[in-house]
Amino acid sequence: MPPAASLNLLGIAGQVVGVLPTTLVVARDSLAGNPPFADRANSTRWVDSVFGEGLLMRAPEVNWKLPAQMRSIARRAPGIAADPDYMGQAVLRNPDIDKVPDPLISNLRTLMGIAGGRFVLIPAALSFQHDSTGAVEARVNLAGVDTRLGDVVFRSYIVAAGPTPAAAMDAMFDILLPAVTFEP
């Protein structure tokens, strides 16, 4: 897997950037079947919520179009825009994909054209399990796509741990979007 990388916000500050819904969430060991991983709908909704809040809190300089907004955009264009929950974006968890295949890129290009942006951030896959110390470990596979060119322009595979799944996601954001302070 590619090394963990922070998201450089300089190139996307002030731009509309879509965030696709998470479609692949796996909970292992004793986490499976327990909240928020009781079922697929709950786990993906929870991840989308936590992921969206993290982006809004830590990177307000980007005009994020979160999963709920992306769904709304697609619903307003029936027959034109594909449902972002069923585009097959989890395929981008494969680190060997540098060029997004059709029909995924066509669907992304159309959706982002309606949304008014060029770039999309895709949480391609997330898994949660306990590590050897008993902490919850989150493994997050992210891809950033330039929808005009069809290129994967950002990729990061982050492993972060915390006492709870939410804390593990927070630790993941410490790597993805490190804090910028005003202190000298």
N, C-alpha and C. Protein backbone atom coordinates (compact mmCIF):
# COMPACT_ATOMS: atom_id res chain seq x y z
N MET A 1 0.84 -1.19 0.00
CA MET A 1 0.00 0.00 0.00
C MET A 1 0.88 1.25 0.00
N PRO A 2 0.36 2.33 -0.57
CA PRO A 2 1.12 3.58 -0.56
C PRO A 2 1.23 4.10 0.87
N PRO A 3 2.25 4.90 1.15
CA PRO A 3 2.42 5.44 2.50
C PRO A 3 1.32 6.44 2.84
N ALA A 4 1.13 6.64 4.14
CA ALA A 4 0.16 7.65 4.60
C ALA A 4 0.62 9.02 4.11
N ALA A 5 -0.31 9.77 3.56
CA ALA A 5 0.01 11.10 3.05
C ALA A 5 -1.03 12.09 3.55
N SER A 6 -0.57 13.28 3.84
CA SER A 6 -1.48 14.36 4.22
C SER A 6 -2.05 14.99 2.96
N LEU A 7 -3.25 15.50 3.07
CA LEU A 7 -3.90 16.14 1.94
C LEU A 7 -3.42 17.58 1.85
N ASN A 8 -2.79 17.94 0.73
CA ASN A 8 -2.32 19.30 0.51
C ASN A 8 -3.50 20.15 0.08
N LEU A 9 -3.87 21.11 0.89
CA LEU A 9 -5.05 21.93 0.63
C LEU A 9 -4.77 23.15 -0.24
N LEU A 10 -3.50 23.43 -0.52
CA LEU A 10 -3.17 24.63 -1.28
C LEU A 10 -3.82 24.65 -2.66
N GLY A 11 -3.85 23.52 -3.33
CA GLY A 11 -4.40 23.46 -4.68
C GLY A 11 -5.92 23.42 -4.74
N ILE A 12 -6.57 23.13 -3.61
CA ILE A 12 -8.04 23.02 -3.63
C ILE A 12 -8.73 24.05 -2.75
N ALA A 13 -7.97 24.90 -2.08
CA ALA A 13 -8.58 25.93 -1.24
C ALA A 13 -9.48 26.82 -2.09
N GLY A 14 -10.69 27.05 -1.61
CA GLY A 14 -11.66 27.90 -2.31
C GLY A 14 -12.43 27.19 -3.41
N GLN A 15 -12.08 25.95 -3.70
CA GLN A 15 -12.75 25.20 -4.77
C GLN A 15 -13.83 24.29 -4.20
N VAL A 16 -14.75 23.93 -5.08
CA VAL A 16 -15.75 22.91 -4.74
C VAL A 16 -15.08 21.56 -4.91
N VAL A 17 -15.11 20.75 -3.85
CA VAL A 17 -14.56 19.40 -3.90
C VAL A 17 -15.63 18.45 -3.39
N GLY A 18 -16.00 17.50 -4.23
CA GLY A 18 -17.00 16.51 -3.84
C GLY A 18 -16.40 15.44 -2.95
N VAL A 19 -17.23 14.90 -2.07
CA VAL A 19 -16.83 13.78 -1.22
C VAL A 19 -17.88 12.69 -1.46
N LEU A 20 -17.45 11.58 -2.03
CA LEU A 20 -18.39 10.50 -2.31
C LEU A 20 -18.73 9.73 -1.04
N PRO A 21 -19.91 9.13 -1.03
CA PRO A 21 -20.27 8.29 0.11
C PRO A 21 -19.33 7.09 0.22
N THR A 22 -19.12 6.67 1.44
CA THR A 22 -18.33 5.47 1.69
C THR A 22 -19.21 4.26 1.41
N THR A 23 -18.72 3.33 0.63
CA THR A 23 -19.53 2.15 0.31
C THR A 23 -18.92 0.86 0.87
N LEU A 24 -17.67 0.92 1.33
CA LEU A 24 -17.03 -0.29 1.85
C LEU A 24 -16.48 -0.01 3.25
N VAL A 25 -17.22 -0.51 4.25
CA VAL A 25 -16.79 -0.41 5.66
C VAL A 25 -16.81 -1.82 6.22
N VAL A 26 -15.68 -2.22 6.79
CA VAL A 26 -15.56 -3.56 7.35
C VAL A 26 -15.20 -3.44 8.83
N ALA A 27 -15.95 -4.13 9.68
CA ALA A 27 -15.63 -4.20 11.11
C ALA A 27 -15.26 -5.64 11.42
N ARG A 28 -14.12 -5.79 12.06
CA ARG A 28 -13.63 -7.13 12.38
C ARG A 28 -13.69 -7.38 13.88
N ASP A 29 -13.45 -8.60 14.27
CA ASP A 29 -13.42 -9.13 15.63
C ASP A 29 -14.65 -8.68 16.42
N SER A 30 -14.50 -8.27 17.66
CA SER A 30 -15.66 -7.96 18.50
C SER A 30 -16.38 -6.67 18.10
N LEU A 31 -15.81 -5.89 17.19
CA LEU A 31 -16.48 -4.67 16.72
C LEU A 31 -17.64 -5.00 15.78
N ALA A 32 -17.53 -6.11 15.07
CA ALA A 32 -18.57 -6.49 14.10
C ALA A 32 -19.89 -6.74 14.81
N GLY A 33 -20.94 -6.16 14.29
CA GLY A 33 -22.27 -6.36 14.84
C GLY A 33 -22.64 -5.42 15.97
N ASN A 34 -21.68 -4.64 16.45
CA ASN A 34 -21.94 -3.66 17.51
C ASN A 34 -22.00 -2.26 16.93
N PRO A 35 -22.76 -1.36 17.57
CA PRO A 35 -22.83 0.01 17.05
C PRO A 35 -21.44 0.64 16.99
N PRO A 36 -21.13 1.39 15.98
CA PRO A 36 -21.96 1.79 14.85
C PRO A 36 -21.92 0.81 13.69
N PHE A 37 -21.43 -0.40 13.93
CA PHE A 37 -21.27 -1.38 12.85
C PHE A 37 -22.34 -2.46 12.87
N ALA A 38 -23.51 -2.13 13.37
CA ALA A 38 -24.59 -3.12 13.48
C ALA A 38 -25.03 -3.65 12.11
N ASP A 39 -25.05 -2.79 11.13
CA ASP A 39 -25.37 -3.21 9.77
C ASP A 39 -24.71 -2.24 8.78
N ARG A 40 -24.75 -2.59 7.52
CA ARG A 40 -24.06 -1.81 6.50
C ARG A 40 -24.56 -0.36 6.44
N ALA A 41 -25.87 -0.19 6.47
CA ALA A 41 -26.43 1.17 6.36
C ALA A 41 -25.96 2.04 7.52
N ASN A 42 -25.99 1.51 8.74
CA ASN A 42 -25.54 2.29 9.89
C ASN A 42 -24.06 2.60 9.82
N SER A 43 -23.25 1.63 9.47
CA SER A 43 -21.80 1.85 9.45
C SER A 43 -21.40 2.85 8.37
N THR A 44 -21.98 2.76 7.18
CA THR A 44 -21.61 3.72 6.14
C THR A 44 -22.13 5.13 6.47
N ARG A 45 -23.32 5.22 7.04
CA ARG A 45 -23.86 6.52 7.44
C ARG A 45 -22.98 7.16 8.52
N TRP A 46 -22.55 6.34 9.49
CA TRP A 46 -21.71 6.84 10.57
C TRP A 46 -20.37 7.33 10.02
N VAL A 47 -19.73 6.52 9.16
CA VAL A 47 -18.45 6.92 8.58
C VAL A 47 -18.60 8.21 7.77
N ASP A 48 -19.64 8.31 6.95
CA ASP A 48 -19.86 9.52 6.17
C ASP A 48 -20.02 10.74 7.07
N SER A 49 -20.74 10.58 8.17
CA SER A 49 -20.96 11.67 9.11
C SER A 49 -19.66 12.11 9.77
N VAL A 50 -18.91 11.16 10.31
CA VAL A 50 -17.65 11.48 10.98
C VAL A 50 -16.64 12.06 10.00
N PHE A 51 -16.57 11.47 8.80
CA PHE A 51 -15.64 11.95 7.79
C PHE A 51 -15.99 13.38 7.36
N GLY A 52 -17.27 13.62 7.14
CA GLY A 52 -17.70 14.97 6.74
C GLY A 52 -17.42 16.00 7.81
N GLU A 53 -17.73 15.68 9.06
CA GLU A 53 -17.46 16.62 10.16
C GLU A 53 -15.97 16.92 10.27
N GLY A 54 -15.15 15.88 10.11
CA GLY A 54 -13.70 16.09 10.18
C GLY A 54 -13.20 17.02 9.10
N LEU A 55 -13.71 16.86 7.88
CA LEU A 55 -13.31 17.73 6.78
C LEU A 55 -13.75 19.17 7.04
N LEU A 56 -14.99 19.35 7.47
CA LEU A 56 -15.50 20.70 7.71
C LEU A 56 -14.76 21.40 8.85
N MET A 57 -14.44 20.65 9.90
CA MET A 57 -13.76 21.25 11.06
C MET A 57 -12.29 21.55 10.77
N ARG A 58 -11.63 20.66 10.05
CA ARG A 58 -10.19 20.80 9.88
C ARG A 58 -9.77 21.47 8.58
N ALA A 59 -10.68 21.59 7.62
CA ALA A 59 -10.32 22.20 6.34
C ALA A 59 -11.47 23.08 5.84
N PRO A 60 -11.79 24.14 6.59
CA PRO A 60 -12.92 25.00 6.18
C PRO A 60 -12.62 25.83 4.94
N GLU A 61 -11.37 25.87 4.51
CA GLU A 61 -11.02 26.66 3.33
C GLU A 61 -11.44 26.00 2.02
N VAL A 62 -11.91 24.76 2.11
CA VAL A 62 -12.39 24.05 0.92
C VAL A 62 -13.91 24.02 0.97
N ASN A 63 -14.54 24.19 -0.17
CA ASN A 63 -16.00 24.12 -0.26
C ASN A 63 -16.37 22.65 -0.50
N TRP A 64 -16.45 21.89 0.59
CA TRP A 64 -16.74 20.46 0.51
C TRP A 64 -18.20 20.22 0.17
N LYS A 65 -18.45 19.35 -0.77
CA LYS A 65 -19.80 18.85 -1.05
C LYS A 65 -19.83 17.44 -0.47
N LEU A 66 -20.41 17.32 0.70
CA LEU A 66 -20.40 16.06 1.45
C LEU A 66 -21.35 15.04 0.83
N PRO A 67 -21.27 13.78 1.25
CA PRO A 67 -22.09 12.73 0.64
C PRO A 67 -23.58 13.04 0.54
N ALA A 68 -24.18 13.61 1.58
CA ALA A 68 -25.61 13.93 1.51
C ALA A 68 -25.88 14.96 0.42
N GLN A 69 -24.99 15.92 0.25
CA GLN A 69 -25.15 16.91 -0.81
C GLN A 69 -24.95 16.29 -2.19
N MET A 70 -24.01 15.36 -2.28
CA MET A 70 -23.77 14.69 -3.57
C MET A 70 -24.99 13.85 -3.96
N ARG A 71 -25.62 13.21 -2.97
CA ARG A 71 -26.85 12.45 -3.26
C ARG A 71 -27.96 13.39 -3.74
N SER A 72 -28.08 14.53 -3.08
CA SER A 72 -29.10 15.50 -3.45
C SER A 72 -28.87 16.03 -4.87
N ILE A 73 -27.63 16.30 -5.21
CA ILE A 73 -27.30 16.77 -6.55
C ILE A 73 -27.70 15.72 -7.58
N ALA A 74 -27.40 14.46 -7.31
CA ALA A 74 -27.74 13.38 -8.24
C ALA A 74 -29.25 13.22 -8.36
N ARG A 75 -29.98 13.36 -7.25
CA ARG A 75 -31.45 13.22 -7.29
C ARG A 75 -32.10 14.35 -8.09
N ARG A 76 -31.48 15.52 -8.10
CA ARG A 76 -32.03 16.65 -8.85
C ARG A 76 -31.79 16.51 -10.35
N ALA A 77 -30.96 15.52 -10.74
CA ALA A 77 -30.67 15.31 -12.16
C ALA A 77 -30.91 13.85 -12.52
N PRO A 78 -32.16 13.38 -12.37
CA PRO A 78 -32.43 11.98 -12.67
C PRO A 78 -32.19 11.68 -14.14
N GLY A 79 -31.59 10.53 -14.40
CA GLY A 79 -31.30 10.15 -15.78
C GLY A 79 -30.02 10.75 -16.31
N ILE A 80 -29.48 11.73 -15.61
CA ILE A 80 -28.23 12.37 -16.04
C ILE A 80 -27.09 11.96 -15.11
N ALA A 81 -27.31 12.16 -13.81
CA ALA A 81 -26.28 11.85 -12.82
C ALA A 81 -26.58 10.51 -12.15
N ALA A 82 -25.56 9.71 -12.01
CA ALA A 82 -25.69 8.40 -11.35
C ALA A 82 -25.79 8.58 -9.83
N ASP A 83 -26.41 7.62 -9.18
CA ASP A 83 -26.51 7.61 -7.72
C ASP A 83 -25.12 7.40 -7.13
N PRO A 84 -24.60 8.34 -6.33
CA PRO A 84 -23.24 8.21 -5.81
C PRO A 84 -23.04 7.04 -4.85
N ASP A 85 -24.12 6.42 -4.40
CA ASP A 85 -23.97 5.25 -3.55
C ASP A 85 -23.70 3.98 -4.36
N TYR A 86 -23.89 4.04 -5.67
CA TYR A 86 -23.77 2.85 -6.51
C TYR A 86 -22.90 3.08 -7.74
N MET A 87 -21.85 3.85 -7.61
CA MET A 87 -20.95 4.11 -8.74
C MET A 87 -19.81 3.10 -8.82
N GLY A 88 -19.55 2.40 -7.73
CA GLY A 88 -18.44 1.45 -7.72
C GLY A 88 -17.12 2.06 -7.33
N GLN A 89 -17.16 3.15 -6.56
CA GLN A 89 -15.96 3.87 -6.18
C GLN A 89 -15.02 3.08 -5.26
N ALA A 90 -15.50 2.03 -4.64
CA ALA A 90 -14.64 1.22 -3.77
C ALA A 90 -13.52 0.55 -4.56
N VAL A 91 -13.66 0.46 -5.87
CA VAL A 91 -12.61 -0.13 -6.71
C VAL A 91 -11.31 0.68 -6.60
N LEU A 92 -11.42 1.95 -6.25
CA LEU A 92 -10.23 2.81 -6.16
C LEU A 92 -9.37 2.50 -4.94
N ARG A 93 -9.76 1.51 -4.14
CA ARG A 93 -8.89 1.08 -3.05
C ARG A 93 -7.65 0.37 -3.58
N ASN A 94 -7.69 -0.05 -4.85
CA ASN A 94 -6.55 -0.71 -5.48
C ASN A 94 -5.47 0.34 -5.77
N PRO A 95 -4.29 0.21 -5.15
CA PRO A 95 -3.24 1.23 -5.34
C PRO A 95 -2.66 1.26 -6.75
N ASP A 96 -2.95 0.26 -7.57
CA ASP A 96 -2.42 0.22 -8.93
C ASP A 96 -3.24 1.03 -9.92
N ILE A 97 -4.40 1.49 -9.51
CA ILE A 97 -5.25 2.28 -10.42
C ILE A 97 -4.81 3.73 -10.40
N ASP A 98 -4.25 4.18 -11.52
CA ASP A 98 -3.84 5.58 -11.67
C ASP A 98 -4.82 6.35 -12.55
N LYS A 99 -5.50 5.63 -13.42
CA LYS A 99 -6.49 6.22 -14.33
C LYS A 99 -7.84 5.59 -13.98
N VAL A 100 -8.83 6.41 -13.67
CA VAL A 100 -10.13 5.90 -13.26
C VAL A 100 -10.85 5.31 -14.47
N PRO A 101 -11.31 4.07 -14.34
CA PRO A 101 -11.96 3.41 -15.48
C PRO A 101 -13.39 3.90 -15.71
N ASP A 102 -13.86 3.68 -16.93
CA ASP A 102 -15.27 3.92 -17.25
C ASP A 102 -16.07 2.74 -16.73
N PRO A 103 -17.28 2.89 -16.34
CA PRO A 103 -18.11 4.09 -16.37
C PRO A 103 -17.93 4.99 -15.15
N LEU A 104 -17.06 4.60 -14.20
CA LEU A 104 -16.90 5.41 -12.99
C LEU A 104 -16.47 6.84 -13.32
N ILE A 105 -15.48 7.03 -14.17
CA ILE A 105 -15.01 8.38 -14.45
C ILE A 105 -16.08 9.21 -15.16
N SER A 106 -16.85 8.60 -16.04
CA SER A 106 -17.93 9.34 -16.72
C SER A 106 -18.97 9.80 -15.71
N ASN A 107 -19.32 8.92 -14.78
CA ASN A 107 -20.29 9.28 -13.75
C ASN A 107 -19.75 10.36 -12.82
N LEU A 108 -18.47 10.25 -12.45
CA LEU A 108 -17.86 11.28 -11.59
C LEU A 108 -17.80 12.62 -12.31
N ARG A 109 -17.42 12.61 -13.58
CA ARG A 109 -17.31 13.85 -14.36
C ARG A 109 -18.67 14.54 -14.46
N THR A 110 -19.71 13.76 -14.71
CA THR A 110 -21.06 14.33 -14.81
C THR A 110 -21.51 14.90 -13.46
N LEU A 111 -21.34 14.13 -12.40
CA LEU A 111 -21.76 14.58 -11.08
C LEU A 111 -21.02 15.84 -10.64
N MET A 112 -19.72 15.87 -10.86
CA MET A 112 -18.95 17.05 -10.46
C MET A 112 -19.22 18.23 -11.39
N GLY A 113 -19.57 17.97 -12.64
CA GLY A 113 -19.97 19.06 -13.53
C GLY A 113 -21.22 19.75 -13.03
N ILE A 114 -22.16 18.96 -12.52
CA ILE A 114 -23.39 19.53 -11.95
C ILE A 114 -23.09 20.23 -10.63
N ALA A 115 -22.19 19.64 -9.83
CA ALA A 115 -21.84 20.22 -8.52
C ALA A 115 -21.02 21.50 -8.67
N GLY A 116 -20.37 21.66 -9.81
CA GLY A 116 -19.59 22.88 -10.04
C GLY A 116 -18.14 22.76 -9.63
N GLY A 117 -17.60 21.55 -9.63
CA GLY A 117 -16.21 21.36 -9.24
C GLY A 117 -15.49 20.41 -10.15
N ARG A 118 -14.25 20.19 -9.82
CA ARG A 118 -13.39 19.34 -10.63
C ARG A 118 -12.88 18.12 -9.87
N PHE A 119 -12.61 18.31 -8.60
CA PHE A 119 -11.98 17.26 -7.81
C PHE A 119 -12.98 16.57 -6.89
N VAL A 120 -12.70 15.29 -6.63
CA VAL A 120 -13.55 14.52 -5.72
C VAL A 120 -12.63 13.70 -4.81
N LEU A 121 -12.98 13.66 -3.52
CA LEU A 121 -12.26 12.86 -2.54
C LEU A 121 -13.11 11.63 -2.25
N ILE A 122 -12.48 10.47 -2.33
CA ILE A 122 -13.21 9.22 -2.21
C ILE A 122 -12.64 8.38 -1.08
N PRO A 123 -13.42 8.20 0.01
CA PRO A 123 -13.03 7.21 1.01
C PRO A 123 -13.34 5.82 0.44
N ALA A 124 -12.35 5.21 -0.21
CA ALA A 124 -12.58 3.99 -0.98
C ALA A 124 -12.86 2.77 -0.11
N ALA A 125 -12.21 2.69 1.06
CA ALA A 125 -12.44 1.55 1.94
C ALA A 125 -11.98 1.90 3.35
N LEU A 126 -12.73 1.43 4.33
CA LEU A 126 -12.36 1.61 5.74
C LEU A 126 -12.55 0.28 6.45
N SER A 127 -11.62 -0.02 7.33
CA SER A 127 -11.80 -1.20 8.17
C SER A 127 -11.43 -0.84 9.60
N PHE A 128 -12.09 -1.51 10.52
CA PHE A 128 -11.88 -1.28 11.95
C PHE A 128 -11.65 -2.62 12.62
N GLN A 129 -10.67 -2.66 13.51
CA GLN A 129 -10.39 -3.87 14.27
C GLN A 129 -9.58 -3.48 15.50
N HIS A 130 -9.46 -4.38 16.42
CA HIS A 130 -8.63 -4.14 17.59
C HIS A 130 -7.18 -4.50 17.25
N ASP A 131 -6.24 -3.68 17.72
CA ASP A 131 -4.84 -4.02 17.51
C ASP A 131 -4.34 -4.86 18.69
N SER A 132 -3.05 -5.14 18.73
CA SER A 132 -2.51 -6.02 19.75
C SER A 132 -2.60 -5.45 21.16
N THR A 133 -2.77 -4.13 21.29
CA THR A 133 -2.88 -3.50 22.61
C THR A 133 -4.33 -3.37 23.06
N GLY A 134 -5.28 -3.71 22.18
CA GLY A 134 -6.70 -3.58 22.50
C GLY A 134 -7.33 -2.30 22.00
N ALA A 135 -6.52 -1.41 21.44
CA ALA A 135 -7.06 -0.17 20.87
C ALA A 135 -7.77 -0.47 19.56
N VAL A 136 -8.68 0.40 19.19
CA VAL A 136 -9.37 0.26 17.91
C VAL A 136 -8.48 0.87 16.83
N GLU A 137 -8.24 0.08 15.81
CA GLU A 137 -7.40 0.52 14.70
C GLU A 137 -8.28 0.78 13.49
N ALA A 138 -8.16 1.97 12.92
CA ALA A 138 -8.88 2.31 11.69
C ALA A 138 -7.88 2.29 10.55
N ARG A 139 -8.23 1.59 9.49
CA ARG A 139 -7.42 1.57 8.27
C ARG A 139 -8.26 2.24 7.18
N VAL A 140 -7.78 3.36 6.68
CA VAL A 140 -8.55 4.18 5.76
C VAL A 140 -7.79 4.31 4.44
N ASN A 141 -8.45 3.96 3.35
CA ASN A 141 -7.87 4.02 2.02
C ASN A 141 -8.59 5.13 1.26
N LEU A 142 -7.86 6.19 0.93
CA LEU A 142 -8.44 7.37 0.29
C LEU A 142 -7.86 7.58 -1.10
N ALA A 143 -8.70 8.10 -1.99
CA ALA A 143 -8.25 8.48 -3.33
C ALA A 143 -8.84 9.84 -3.68
N GLY A 144 -8.04 10.68 -4.29
CA GLY A 144 -8.50 11.95 -4.81
C GLY A 144 -8.43 11.90 -6.32
N VAL A 145 -9.50 12.33 -6.98
CA VAL A 145 -9.59 12.20 -8.44
C VAL A 145 -9.84 13.55 -9.08
N ASP A 146 -9.07 13.82 -10.13
CA ASP A 146 -9.33 14.94 -11.02
C ASP A 146 -10.31 14.42 -12.06
N THR A 147 -11.55 14.85 -11.98
CA THR A 147 -12.59 14.26 -12.84
C THR A 147 -12.46 14.70 -14.30
N ARG A 148 -11.80 15.79 -14.57
CA ARG A 148 -11.63 16.21 -15.96
C ARG A 148 -10.61 15.35 -16.68
N LEU A 149 -9.53 15.02 -15.99
CA LEU A 149 -8.47 14.20 -16.60
C LEU A 149 -8.67 12.71 -16.37
N GLY A 150 -9.42 12.37 -15.33
CA GLY A 150 -9.62 10.97 -15.00
C GLY A 150 -8.47 10.37 -14.22
N ASP A 151 -7.60 11.21 -13.67
CA ASP A 151 -6.42 10.75 -12.96
C ASP A 151 -6.65 10.69 -11.45
N VAL A 152 -6.05 9.68 -10.82
CA VAL A 152 -5.99 9.64 -9.37
C VAL A 152 -4.81 10.55 -9.00
N VAL A 153 -5.10 11.70 -8.40
CA VAL A 153 -4.07 12.70 -8.10
C VAL A 153 -3.64 12.68 -6.64
N PHE A 154 -4.36 11.95 -5.82
CA PHE A 154 -4.01 11.82 -4.40
C PHE A 154 -4.37 10.43 -3.95
N ARG A 155 -3.50 9.84 -3.16
CA ARG A 155 -3.78 8.53 -2.59
C ARG A 155 -3.11 8.45 -1.23
N SER A 156 -3.84 7.94 -0.26
CA SER A 156 -3.28 7.77 1.07
C SER A 156 -3.90 6.55 1.73
N TYR A 157 -3.08 5.79 2.38
CA TYR A 157 -3.53 4.64 3.16
C TYR A 157 -3.09 4.92 4.58
N ILE A 158 -4.06 5.23 5.44
CA ILE A 158 -3.76 5.68 6.80
C ILE A 158 -4.20 4.62 7.80
N VAL A 159 -3.30 4.31 8.73
CA VAL A 159 -3.61 3.43 9.85
C VAL A 159 -3.48 4.27 11.11
N ALA A 160 -4.58 4.36 11.86
CA ALA A 160 -4.60 5.17 13.08
C ALA A 160 -5.37 4.42 14.16
N ALA A 161 -5.03 4.68 15.41
CA ALA A 161 -5.65 3.95 16.51
C ALA A 161 -6.16 4.90 17.59
N GLY A 162 -7.16 4.41 18.33
CA GLY A 162 -7.72 5.15 19.44
C GLY A 162 -8.54 4.21 20.29
N PRO A 163 -9.02 4.68 21.44
CA PRO A 163 -9.78 3.79 22.33
C PRO A 163 -11.16 3.41 21.78
N THR A 164 -11.69 4.20 20.86
CA THR A 164 -13.00 3.94 20.25
C THR A 164 -12.89 4.12 18.74
N PRO A 165 -13.89 3.64 17.98
CA PRO A 165 -13.85 3.90 16.54
C PRO A 165 -13.80 5.40 16.21
N ALA A 166 -14.54 6.23 16.95
CA ALA A 166 -14.54 7.68 16.70
C ALA A 166 -13.16 8.28 16.98
N ALA A 167 -12.53 7.82 18.05
CA ALA A 167 -11.19 8.32 18.38
C ALA A 167 -10.17 7.88 17.33
N ALA A 168 -10.33 6.67 16.81
CA ALA A 168 -9.44 6.20 15.74
C ALA A 168 -9.61 7.06 14.48
N MET A 169 -10.86 7.43 14.17
CA MET A 169 -11.10 8.32 13.02
C MET A 169 -10.49 9.70 13.26
N ASP A 170 -10.57 10.19 14.50
CA ASP A 170 -9.96 11.47 14.83
C ASP A 170 -8.44 11.41 14.65
N ALA A 171 -7.85 10.30 15.07
CA ALA A 171 -6.40 10.12 14.89
C ALA A 171 -6.05 10.05 13.40
N MET A 172 -6.94 9.48 12.60
CA MET A 172 -6.73 9.44 11.16
C MET A 172 -6.68 10.86 10.60
N PHE A 173 -7.57 11.73 11.10
CA PHE A 173 -7.58 13.11 10.62
C PHE A 173 -6.33 13.87 11.05
N ASP A 174 -5.71 13.48 12.18
CA ASP A 174 -4.44 14.10 12.57
C ASP A 174 -3.38 13.87 11.51
N ILE A 175 -3.47 12.75 10.80
CA ILE A 175 -2.51 12.45 9.74
C ILE A 175 -2.96 13.08 8.41
N LEU A 176 -4.23 12.93 8.08
CA LEU A 176 -4.74 13.44 6.80
C LEU A 176 -4.70 14.96 6.73
N LEU A 177 -5.13 15.62 7.79
CA LEU A 177 -5.18 17.08 7.83
C LEU A 177 -4.54 17.58 9.12
N PRO A 178 -3.21 17.60 9.16
CA PRO A 178 -2.55 18.03 10.39
C PRO A 178 -2.94 19.47 10.74
N ALA A 179 -3.00 19.74 12.02
CA ALA A 179 -3.43 21.06 12.50
C ALA A 179 -2.42 22.13 12.11
N VAL A 180 -2.94 23.27 11.71
CA VAL A 180 -2.12 24.44 11.45
C VAL A 180 -2.40 25.41 12.58
N THR A 181 -1.34 25.87 13.24
CA THR A 181 -1.53 26.76 14.38
C THR A 181 -1.08 28.17 14.03
N PHE A 182 -1.46 29.10 14.86
CA PHE A 182 -1.08 30.49 14.66
C PHE A 182 0.15 30.87 15.47
N GLU A 183 0.63 29.94 16.26
CA GLU A 183 1.77 30.23 17.12
C GLU A 183 3.07 30.18 16.33
N PRO A 184 4.05 31.03 16.73
CA PRO A 184 5.34 31.04 16.01
C PRO A 184 6.14 29.77 16.24
